[in-house]
Amino acid sequence: DYGVGNVRSVVRMCEKAGADVVLSSDKHVVLGAAGLIVPGVGDF
């Protein structure tokens, strides 16, 4: 959750796929997770 991206729909898709999902930008949470998704919407 870094302020850019279609984060809510990504969270819903991951939940639908069976994952436990957290929306976060906290350093310790990001580094400790099994997987990190980096959405990107807008310009480069």
All heavy atoms as atom14 arrays in JSON, in Angstrom:
{
  "sequence": "DYGVGNVRSVVRMCEKAGADVVLSSDKHVVLGAAGLIVPGVGDF",
  "atom14_mask": [
    [1, 1, 1, 1, 1, 1, 1, 1, 0, 0, 0, 0, 0, 0],
    [1, 1, 1, 1, 1, 1, 1, 1, 1, 1, 1, 1, 0, 0],
    [1, 1, 1, 1, 0, 0, 0, 0, 0, 0, 0, 0, 0, 0],
    [1, 1, 1, 1, 1, 1, 1, 0, 0, 0, 0, 0, 0, 0],
    [1, 1, 1, 1, 0, 0, 0, 0, 0, 0, 0, 0, 0, 0],
    [1, 1, 1, 1, 1, 1, 1, 1, 0, 0, 0, 0, 0, 0],
    [1, 1, 1, 1, 1, 1, 1, 0, 0, 0, 0, 0, 0, 0],
    [1, 1, 1, 1, 1, 1, 1, 1, 1, 1, 1, 0, 0, 0],
    [1, 1, 1, 1, 1, 1, 0, 0, 0, 0, 0, 0, 0, 0],
    [1, 1, 1, 1, 1, 1, 1, 0, 0, 0, 0, 0, 0, 0],
    [1, 1, 1, 1, 1, 1, 1, 0, 0, 0, 0, 0, 0, 0],
    [1, 1, 1, 1, 1, 1, 1, 1, 1, 1, 1, 0, 0, 0],
    [1, 1, 1, 1, 1, 1, 1, 1, 0, 0, 0, 0, 0, 0],
    [1, 1, 1, 1, 1, 1, 0, 0, 0, 0, 0, 0, 0, 0],
    [1, 1, 1, 1, 1, 1, 1, 1, 1, 0, 0, 0, 0, 0],
    [1, 1, 1, 1, 1, 1, 1, 1, 1, 0, 0, 0, 0, 0],
    [1, 1, 1, 1, 1, 0, 0, 0, 0, 0, 0, 0, 0, 0],
    [1, 1, 1, 1, 0, 0, 0, 0, 0, 0, 0, 0, 0, 0],
    [1, 1, 1, 1, 1, 0, 0, 0, 0, 0, 0, 0, 0, 0],
    [1, 1, 1, 1, 1, 1, 1, 1, 0, 0, 0, 0, 0, 0],
    [1, 1, 1, 1, 1, 1, 1, 0, 0, 0, 0, 0, 0, 0],
    [1, 1, 1, 1, 1, 1, 1, 0, 0, 0, 0, 0, 0, 0],
    [1, 1, 1, 1, 1, 1, 1, 1, 0, 0, 0, 0, 0, 0],
    [1, 1, 1, 1, 1, 1, 0, 0, 0, 0, 0, 0, 0, 0],
    [1, 1, 1, 1, 1, 1, 0, 0, 0, 0, 0, 0, 0, 0],
    [1, 1, 1, 1, 1, 1, 1, 1, 0, 0, 0, 0, 0, 0],
    [1, 1, 1, 1, 1, 1, 1, 1, 1, 0, 0, 0, 0, 0],
    [1, 1, 1, 1, 1, 1, 1, 1, 1, 1, 0, 0, 0, 0],
    [1, 1, 1, 1, 1, 1, 1, 0, 0, 0, 0, 0, 0, 0],
    [1, 1, 1, 1, 1, 1, 1, 0, 0, 0, 0, 0, 0, 0],
    [1, 1, 1, 1, 1, 1, 1, 1, 0, 0, 0, 0, 0, 0],
    [1, 1, 1, 1, 0, 0, 0, 0, 0, 0, 0, 0, 0, 0],
    [1, 1, 1, 1, 1, 0, 0, 0, 0, 0, 0, 0, 0, 0],
    [1, 1, 1, 1, 1, 0, 0, 0, 0, 0, 0, 0, 0, 0],
    [1, 1, 1, 1, 0, 0, 0, 0, 0, 0, 0, 0, 0, 0],
    [1, 1, 1, 1, 1, 1, 1, 1, 0, 0, 0, 0, 0, 0],
    [1, 1, 1, 1, 1, 1, 1, 1, 0, 0, 0, 0, 0, 0],
    [1, 1, 1, 1, 1, 1, 1, 0, 0, 0, 0, 0, 0, 0],
    [1, 1, 1, 1, 1, 1, 1, 0, 0, 0, 0, 0, 0, 0],
    [1, 1, 1, 1, 0, 0, 0, 0, 0, 0, 0, 0, 0, 0],
    [1, 1, 1, 1, 1, 1, 1, 0, 0, 0, 0, 0, 0, 0],
    [1, 1, 1, 1, 0, 0, 0, 0, 0, 0, 0, 0, 0, 0],
    [1, 1, 1, 1, 1, 1, 1, 1, 0, 0, 0, 0, 0, 0],
    [1, 1, 1, 1, 1, 1, 1, 1, 1, 1, 1, 0, 0, 0]
  ],
  "atom14_positions": [
    [[0.85, -1.19, 0.0], [0.0, 0.0, 0.0], [0.89, 1.24, 0.0], [1.09, 1.88, 1.03], [-0.91, -0.03, 1.23], [-1.95, 1.08, 1.21], [-2.18, 1.66, 0.13], [-2.53, 1.36, 2.27], [0.0, 0.0, 0.0], [0.0, 0.0, 0.0], [0.0, 0.0, 0.0], [0.0, 0.0, 0.0], [0.0, 0.0, 0.0], [0.0, 0.0, 0.0]],
    [[1.38, 1.61, -1.18], [2.29, 2.76, -1.27], [1.65, 3.95, -1.96], [2.33, 4.89, -2.39], [3.61, 2.37, -1.97], [3.48, 1.95, -3.42], [3.88, 2.81, -4.43], [3.0, 0.69, -3.77], [3.78, 2.44, -5.76], [2.91, 0.3, -5.08], [3.3, 1.18, -6.07], [3.2, 0.79, -7.4], [0.0, 0.0, 0.0], [0.0, 0.0, 0.0]],
    [[0.32, 3.92, -2.06], [-0.4, 5.07, -2.58], [-0.73, 5.03, -4.05], [-1.38, 5.93, -4.57], [0.0, 0.0, 0.0], [0.0, 0.0, 0.0], [0.0, 0.0, 0.0], [0.0, 0.0, 0.0], [0.0, 0.0, 0.0], [0.0, 0.0, 0.0], [0.0, 0.0, 0.0], [0.0, 0.0, 0.0], [0.0, 0.0, 0.0], [0.0, 0.0, 0.0]],
    [[-0.29, 3.98, -4.74], [-0.55, 3.85, -6.18], [-0.97, 2.42, -6.46], [-0.29, 1.48, -6.03], [0.71, 4.18, -7.02], [0.43, 3.98, -8.5], [1.16, 5.62, -6.77], [0.0, 0.0, 0.0], [0.0, 0.0, 0.0], [0.0, 0.0, 0.0], [0.0, 0.0, 0.0], [0.0, 0.0, 0.0], [0.0, 0.0, 0.0], [0.0, 0.0, 0.0]],
    [[-2.08, 2.26, -7.16], [-2.44, 0.9, -7.55], [-3.86, 0.54, -7.18], [-4.48, 1.16, -6.31], [0.0, 0.0, 0.0], [0.0, 0.0, 0.0], [0.0, 0.0, 0.0], [0.0, 0.0, 0.0], [0.0, 0.0, 0.0], [0.0, 0.0, 0.0], [0.0, 0.0, 0.0], [0.0, 0.0, 0.0], [0.0, 0.0, 0.0], [0.0, 0.0, 0.0]],
    [[-4.34, -0.47, -7.83], [-5.7, -0.94, -7.64], [-5.72, -1.94, -6.5], [-6.01, -3.13, -6.68], [-6.18, -1.58, -8.96], [-7.68, -1.73, -9.01], [-8.39, -1.13, -8.22], [-8.14, -2.55, -9.92], [0.0, 0.0, 0.0], [0.0, 0.0, 0.0], [0.0, 0.0, 0.0], [0.0, 0.0, 0.0], [0.0, 0.0, 0.0], [0.0, 0.0, 0.0]],
    [[-5.41, -1.47, -5.28], [-5.08, -2.38, -4.19], [-6.27, -3.19, -3.69], [-6.12, -4.36, -3.34], [-4.43, -1.61, -3.01], [-3.06, -1.1, -3.42], [-5.31, -0.48, -2.52], [0.0, 0.0, 0.0], [0.0, 0.0, 0.0], [0.0, 0.0, 0.0], [0.0, 0.0, 0.0], [0.0, 0.0, 0.0], [0.0, 0.0, 0.0], [0.0, 0.0, 0.0]],
    [[-7.45, -2.6, -3.64], [-8.6, -3.3, -3.07], [-8.99, -4.5, -3.92], [-9.31, -5.57, -3.4], [-9.78, -2.35, -2.91], [-9.54, -1.24, -1.91], [-9.32, -1.78, -0.5], [-8.98, -0.73, 0.46], [-8.67, -0.93, 1.72], [-8.63, -2.17, 2.18], [-8.35, 0.08, 2.52], [0.0, 0.0, 0.0], [0.0, 0.0, 0.0], [0.0, 0.0, 0.0]],
    [[-8.99, -4.33, -5.25], [-9.35, -5.45, -6.11], [-8.28, -6.53, -6.08], [-8.58, -7.72, -6.21], [-9.6, -4.98, -7.55], [-8.45, -4.36, -8.08], [0.0, 0.0, 0.0], [0.0, 0.0, 0.0], [0.0, 0.0, 0.0], [0.0, 0.0, 0.0], [0.0, 0.0, 0.0], [0.0, 0.0, 0.0], [0.0, 0.0, 0.0], [0.0, 0.0, 0.0]],
    [[-7.01, -6.14, -5.88], [-5.94, -7.13, -5.75], [-6.11, -7.93, -4.46], [-5.96, -9.14, -4.44], [-4.55, -6.45, -5.78], [-3.45, -7.47, -5.52], [-4.32, -5.77, -7.13], [0.0, 0.0, 0.0], [0.0, 0.0, 0.0], [0.0, 0.0, 0.0], [0.0, 0.0, 0.0], [0.0, 0.0, 0.0], [0.0, 0.0, 0.0], [0.0, 0.0, 0.0]],
    [[-6.46, -7.24, -3.38], [-6.71, -7.92, -2.11], [-7.85, -8.93, -2.27], [-7.75, -10.09, -1.85], [-7.04, -6.91, -1.0], [-7.59, -7.63, 0.23], [-5.8, -6.12, -0.62], [0.0, 0.0, 0.0], [0.0, 0.0, 0.0], [0.0, 0.0, 0.0], [0.0, 0.0, 0.0], [0.0, 0.0, 0.0], [0.0, 0.0, 0.0], [0.0, 0.0, 0.0]],
    [[-8.93, -8.51, -2.91], [-10.08, -9.4, -3.08], [-9.72, -10.62, -3.91], [-10.15, -11.75, -3.61], [-11.24, -8.65, -3.73], [-11.92, -7.64, -2.79], [-13.24, -7.17, -3.35], [-13.07, -6.42, -4.59], [-12.9, -5.1, -4.64], [-12.85, -4.38, -3.53], [-12.78, -4.49, -5.79], [0.0, 0.0, 0.0], [0.0, 0.0, 0.0], [0.0, 0.0, 0.0]],
    [[-8.92, -10.43, -4.98], [-8.52, -11.55, -5.81], [-7.67, -12.55, -5.02], [-7.85, -13.77, -5.12], [-7.74, -11.06, -7.03], [-7.14, -12.17, -7.89], [-8.37, -13.29, -8.59], [-9.05, -12.26, -9.89], [0.0, 0.0, 0.0], [0.0, 0.0, 0.0], [0.0, 0.0, 0.0], [0.0, 0.0, 0.0], [0.0, 0.0, 0.0], [0.0, 0.0, 0.0]],
    [[-6.74, -12.04, -4.21], [-5.89, -12.92, -3.41], [-6.72, -13.7, -2.39], [-6.48, -14.9, -2.16], [-4.8, -12.12, -2.7], [-3.55, -11.45, -3.79], [0.0, 0.0, 0.0], [0.0, 0.0, 0.0], [0.0, 0.0, 0.0], [0.0, 0.0, 0.0], [0.0, 0.0, 0.0], [0.0, 0.0, 0.0], [0.0, 0.0, 0.0], [0.0, 0.0, 0.0]],
    [[-7.68, -13.03, -1.79], [-8.56, -13.71, -0.84], [-9.37, -14.79, -1.54], [-9.54, -15.9, -1.01], [-9.47, -12.7, -0.16], [-8.75, -11.77, 0.8], [-9.65, -10.68, 1.34], [-10.69, -10.39, 0.73], [-9.31, -10.11, 2.4], [0.0, 0.0, 0.0], [0.0, 0.0, 0.0], [0.0, 0.0, 0.0], [0.0, 0.0, 0.0], [0.0, 0.0, 0.0]],
    [[-9.85, -14.49, -2.72], [-10.62, -15.46, -3.49], [-9.76, -16.67, -3.86], [-10.26, -17.8, -3.94], [-11.18, -14.8, -4.75], [-12.21, -15.64, -5.49], [-12.81, -14.84, -6.63], [-13.86, -15.68, -7.37], [-14.44, -14.92, -8.52], [0.0, 0.0, 0.0], [0.0, 0.0, 0.0], [0.0, 0.0, 0.0], [0.0, 0.0, 0.0], [0.0, 0.0, 0.0]],
    [[-8.47, -16.41, -4.07], [-7.55, -17.5, -4.42], [-7.1, -18.3, -3.2], [-6.37, -19.27, -3.33], [-6.33, -16.93, -5.13], [0.0, 0.0, 0.0], [0.0, 0.0, 0.0], [0.0, 0.0, 0.0], [0.0, 0.0, 0.0], [0.0, 0.0, 0.0], [0.0, 0.0, 0.0], [0.0, 0.0, 0.0], [0.0, 0.0, 0.0], [0.0, 0.0, 0.0]],
    [[-7.54, -17.87, -2.01], [-7.27, -18.65, -0.81], [-6.15, -18.14, 0.07], [-5.73, -18.84, 1.0], [0.0, 0.0, 0.0], [0.0, 0.0, 0.0], [0.0, 0.0, 0.0], [0.0, 0.0, 0.0], [0.0, 0.0, 0.0], [0.0, 0.0, 0.0], [0.0, 0.0, 0.0], [0.0, 0.0, 0.0], [0.0, 0.0, 0.0], [0.0, 0.0, 0.0]],
    [[-5.66, -16.93, -0.18], [-4.55, -16.39, 0.59], [-5.04, -15.58, 1.78], [-6.13, -15.0, 1.76], [-3.66, -15.52, -0.28], [0.0, 0.0, 0.0], [0.0, 0.0, 0.0], [0.0, 0.0, 0.0], [0.0, 0.0, 0.0], [0.0, 0.0, 0.0], [0.0, 0.0, 0.0], [0.0, 0.0, 0.0], [0.0, 0.0, 0.0], [0.0, 0.0, 0.0]],
    [[-4.23, -15.53, 2.84], [-4.43, -14.58, 3.92], [-3.71, -13.29, 3.5], [-2.5, -13.29, 3.3], [-3.83, -15.1, 5.22], [-4.57, -16.32, 5.73], [-5.79, -16.38, 5.55], [-3.91, -17.22, 6.29], [0.0, 0.0, 0.0], [0.0, 0.0, 0.0], [0.0, 0.0, 0.0], [0.0, 0.0, 0.0], [0.0, 0.0, 0.0], [0.0, 0.0, 0.0]],
    [[-4.45, -12.21, 3.39], [-3.92, -10.99, 2.77], [-3.9, -9.84, 3.75], [-4.84, -9.63, 4.51], [-4.77, -10.58, 1.54], [-4.08, -9.46, 0.77], [-5.0, -11.77, 0.63], [0.0, 0.0, 0.0], [0.0, 0.0, 0.0], [0.0, 0.0, 0.0], [0.0, 0.0, 0.0], [0.0, 0.0, 0.0], [0.0, 0.0, 0.0], [0.0, 0.0, 0.0]],
    [[-2.8, -9.07, 3.7], [-2.66, -7.86, 4.49], [-2.33, -6.71, 3.54], [-1.49, -6.86, 2.65], [-1.54, -8.0, 5.54], [-1.32, -6.68, 6.28], [-1.85, -9.11, 6.52], [0.0, 0.0, 0.0], [0.0, 0.0, 0.0], [0.0, 0.0, 0.0], [0.0, 0.0, 0.0], [0.0, 0.0, 0.0], [0.0, 0.0, 0.0], [0.0, 0.0, 0.0]],
    [[-2.99, -5.59, 3.71], [-2.69, -4.37, 2.96], [-1.82, -3.49, 3.84], [-2.27, -3.02, 4.89], [-3.98, -3.66, 2.59], [-3.89, -2.39, 1.74], [-3.24, -2.68, 0.4], [-5.28, -1.78, 1.55], [0.0, 0.0, 0.0], [0.0, 0.0, 0.0], [0.0, 0.0, 0.0], [0.0, 0.0, 0.0], [0.0, 0.0, 0.0], [0.0, 0.0, 0.0]],
    [[-0.56, -3.28, 3.44], [0.37, -2.6, 4.35], [1.55, -1.99, 3.6], [1.91, -2.44, 2.5], [0.9, -3.6, 5.38], [1.8, -2.97, 6.28], [0.0, 0.0, 0.0], [0.0, 0.0, 0.0], [0.0, 0.0, 0.0], [0.0, 0.0, 0.0], [0.0, 0.0, 0.0], [0.0, 0.0, 0.0], [0.0, 0.0, 0.0], [0.0, 0.0, 0.0]],
    [[2.15, -0.97, 4.23], [3.44, -0.44, 3.78], [4.46, -0.47, 4.92], [5.56, 0.07, 4.78], [3.27, 1.01, 3.27], [2.76, 1.84, 4.29], [0.0, 0.0, 0.0], [0.0, 0.0, 0.0], [0.0, 0.0, 0.0], [0.0, 0.0, 0.0], [0.0, 0.0, 0.0], [0.0, 0.0, 0.0], [0.0, 0.0, 0.0], [0.0, 0.0, 0.0]],
    [[4.08, -1.08, 6.04], [4.98, -1.18, 7.18], [6.2, -2.05, 6.83], [6.06, -3.16, 6.31], [4.23, -1.8, 8.37], [5.13, -1.92, 9.59], [5.2, -0.96, 10.37], [5.75, -3.0, 9.75], [0.0, 0.0, 0.0], [0.0, 0.0, 0.0], [0.0, 0.0, 0.0], [0.0, 0.0, 0.0], [0.0, 0.0, 0.0], [0.0, 0.0, 0.0]],
    [[7.38, -1.54, 7.11], [8.62, -2.2, 6.73], [8.68, -3.64, 7.24], [9.02, -4.57, 6.48], [9.81, -1.4, 7.27], [11.15, -2.09, 7.09], [12.28, -1.25, 7.68], [13.62, -1.98, 7.54], [14.73, -1.17, 8.11], [0.0, 0.0, 0.0], [0.0, 0.0, 0.0], [0.0, 0.0, 0.0], [0.0, 0.0, 0.0], [0.0, 0.0, 0.0]],
    [[8.38, -3.85, 8.51], [8.53, -5.18, 9.09], [7.49, -6.15, 8.53], [7.79, -7.33, 8.32], [8.43, -5.08, 10.61], [9.47, -4.2, 11.22], [10.8, -4.54, 11.25], [9.38, -2.97, 11.8], [11.49, -3.58, 11.84], [10.65, -2.61, 12.18], [0.0, 0.0, 0.0], [0.0, 0.0, 0.0], [0.0, 0.0, 0.0], [0.0, 0.0, 0.0]],
    [[6.3, -5.64, 8.26], [5.27, -6.48, 7.67], [5.64, -6.87, 6.24], [5.52, -8.03, 5.84], [3.91, -5.76, 7.69], [2.84, -6.57, 6.97], [3.48, -5.49, 9.13], [0.0, 0.0, 0.0], [0.0, 0.0, 0.0], [0.0, 0.0, 0.0], [0.0, 0.0, 0.0], [0.0, 0.0, 0.0], [0.0, 0.0, 0.0], [0.0, 0.0, 0.0]],
    [[6.13, -5.9, 5.48], [6.51, -6.14, 4.09], [7.66, -7.14, 4.0], [7.65, -8.07, 3.19], [6.89, -4.82, 3.4], [7.56, -5.07, 2.05], [5.66, -3.94, 3.22], [0.0, 0.0, 0.0], [0.0, 0.0, 0.0], [0.0, 0.0, 0.0], [0.0, 0.0, 0.0], [0.0, 0.0, 0.0], [0.0, 0.0, 0.0], [0.0, 0.0, 0.0]],
    [[8.67, -6.97, 4.85], [9.82, -7.86, 4.8], [9.51, -9.25, 5.34], [10.11, -10.24, 4.92], [10.99, -7.26, 5.58], [11.64, -6.02, 4.97], [12.74, -5.48, 5.88], [12.21, -6.32, 3.59], [0.0, 0.0, 0.0], [0.0, 0.0, 0.0], [0.0, 0.0, 0.0], [0.0, 0.0, 0.0], [0.0, 0.0, 0.0], [0.0, 0.0, 0.0]],
    [[8.56, -9.35, 6.25], [8.28, -10.63, 6.88], [7.3, -11.5, 6.15], [7.18, -12.7, 6.45], [0.0, 0.0, 0.0], [0.0, 0.0, 0.0], [0.0, 0.0, 0.0], [0.0, 0.0, 0.0], [0.0, 0.0, 0.0], [0.0, 0.0, 0.0], [0.0, 0.0, 0.0], [0.0, 0.0, 0.0], [0.0, 0.0, 0.0], [0.0, 0.0, 0.0]],
    [[6.6, -10.96, 5.16], [5.55, -11.71, 4.47], [6.14, -12.78, 3.57], [7.27, -12.67, 3.07], [4.7, -10.76, 3.65], [0.0, 0.0, 0.0], [0.0, 0.0, 0.0], [0.0, 0.0, 0.0], [0.0, 0.0, 0.0], [0.0, 0.0, 0.0], [0.0, 0.0, 0.0], [0.0, 0.0, 0.0], [0.0, 0.0, 0.0], [0.0, 0.0, 0.0]],
    [[5.33, -13.8, 3.33], [5.75, -14.85, 2.39], [5.8, -14.32, 0.97], [6.68, -14.68, 0.19], [4.79, -16.03, 2.49], [0.0, 0.0, 0.0], [0.0, 0.0, 0.0], [0.0, 0.0, 0.0], [0.0, 0.0, 0.0], [0.0, 0.0, 0.0], [0.0, 0.0, 0.0], [0.0, 0.0, 0.0], [0.0, 0.0, 0.0], [0.0, 0.0, 0.0]],
    [[4.85, -13.46, 0.62], [4.81, -12.89, -0.72], [4.4, -11.44, -0.69], [3.56, -11.04, 0.13], [0.0, 0.0, 0.0], [0.0, 0.0, 0.0], [0.0, 0.0, 0.0], [0.0, 0.0, 0.0], [0.0, 0.0, 0.0], [0.0, 0.0, 0.0], [0.0, 0.0, 0.0], [0.0, 0.0, 0.0], [0.0, 0.0, 0.0], [0.0, 0.0, 0.0]],
    [[4.98, -10.64, -1.57], [4.66, -9.21, -1.68], [4.15, -8.92, -3.08], [4.82, -9.25, -4.07], [5.9, -8.36, -1.41], [5.74, -6.85, -1.6], [4.8, -6.27, -0.55], [7.09, -6.14, -1.57], [0.0, 0.0, 0.0], [0.0, 0.0, 0.0], [0.0, 0.0, 0.0], [0.0, 0.0, 0.0], [0.0, 0.0, 0.0], [0.0, 0.0, 0.0]],
    [[2.98, -8.31, -3.17], [2.45, -7.87, -4.46], [2.61, -6.36, -4.58], [2.24, -5.61, -3.68], [0.97, -8.27, -4.61], [0.84, -9.79, -4.61], [0.39, -7.69, -5.9], [-0.58, -10.3, -4.79], [0.0, 0.0, 0.0], [0.0, 0.0, 0.0], [0.0, 0.0, 0.0], [0.0, 0.0, 0.0], [0.0, 0.0, 0.0], [0.0, 0.0, 0.0]],
    [[3.17, -5.94, -5.72], [3.4, -4.51, -5.99], [2.49, -4.1, -7.15], [2.84, -4.28, -8.31], [4.87, -4.24, -6.34], [5.11, -2.74, -6.53], [5.8, -4.79, -5.27], [0.0, 0.0, 0.0], [0.0, 0.0, 0.0], [0.0, 0.0, 0.0], [0.0, 0.0, 0.0], [0.0, 0.0, 0.0], [0.0, 0.0, 0.0], [0.0, 0.0, 0.0]],
    [[1.29, -3.57, -6.85], [0.41, -3.1, -7.93], [0.99, -1.84, -8.55], [1.78, -1.13, -7.93], [-0.91, -2.81, -7.21], [-0.76, -3.31, -5.82], [0.7, -3.33, -5.53], [0.0, 0.0, 0.0], [0.0, 0.0, 0.0], [0.0, 0.0, 0.0], [0.0, 0.0, 0.0], [0.0, 0.0, 0.0], [0.0, 0.0, 0.0], [0.0, 0.0, 0.0]],
    [[0.56, -1.55, -9.77], [1.0, -0.32, -10.4], [-0.04, 0.19, -11.36], [-0.34, -0.46, -12.36], [0.0, 0.0, 0.0], [0.0, 0.0, 0.0], [0.0, 0.0, 0.0], [0.0, 0.0, 0.0], [0.0, 0.0, 0.0], [0.0, 0.0, 0.0], [0.0, 0.0, 0.0], [0.0, 0.0, 0.0], [0.0, 0.0, 0.0], [0.0, 0.0, 0.0]],
    [[-0.63, 1.34, -11.07], [-1.63, 1.96, -11.94], [-1.22, 3.42, -12.14], [-0.86, 4.11, -11.19], [-3.04, 1.89, -11.33], [-4.03, 2.69, -12.17], [-3.5, 0.44, -11.23], [0.0, 0.0, 0.0], [0.0, 0.0, 0.0], [0.0, 0.0, 0.0], [0.0, 0.0, 0.0], [0.0, 0.0, 0.0], [0.0, 0.0, 0.0], [0.0, 0.0, 0.0]],
    [[-1.28, 3.88, -13.39], [-0.91, 5.26, -13.67], [0.33, 5.31, -14.54], [0.63, 4.38, -15.28], [0.0, 0.0, 0.0], [0.0, 0.0, 0.0], [0.0, 0.0, 0.0], [0.0, 0.0, 0.0], [0.0, 0.0, 0.0], [0.0, 0.0, 0.0], [0.0, 0.0, 0.0], [0.0, 0.0, 0.0], [0.0, 0.0, 0.0], [0.0, 0.0, 0.0]],
    [[1.08, 6.4, -14.45], [2.26, 6.54, -15.29], [3.52, 6.09, -14.55], [3.56, 6.02, -13.32], [2.41, 7.98, -15.77], [2.67, 8.95, -14.64], [3.85, 9.15, -14.27], [1.69, 9.51, -14.09], [0.0, 0.0, 0.0], [0.0, 0.0, 0.0], [0.0, 0.0, 0.0], [0.0, 0.0, 0.0], [0.0, 0.0, 0.0], [0.0, 0.0, 0.0]],
    [[4.54, 5.8, -15.31], [5.79, 5.23, -14.82], [6.42, 6.11, -13.74], [6.78, 5.62, -12.66], [6.75, 5.07, -16.0], [8.05, 4.4, -15.7], [8.19, 3.03, -15.84], [9.17, 5.13, -15.33], [9.39, 2.4, -15.59], [10.38, 4.53, -15.07], [10.5, 3.16, -15.21], [0.0, 0.0, 0.0], [0.0, 0.0, 0.0], [0.0, 0.0, 0.0]]
  ]
}
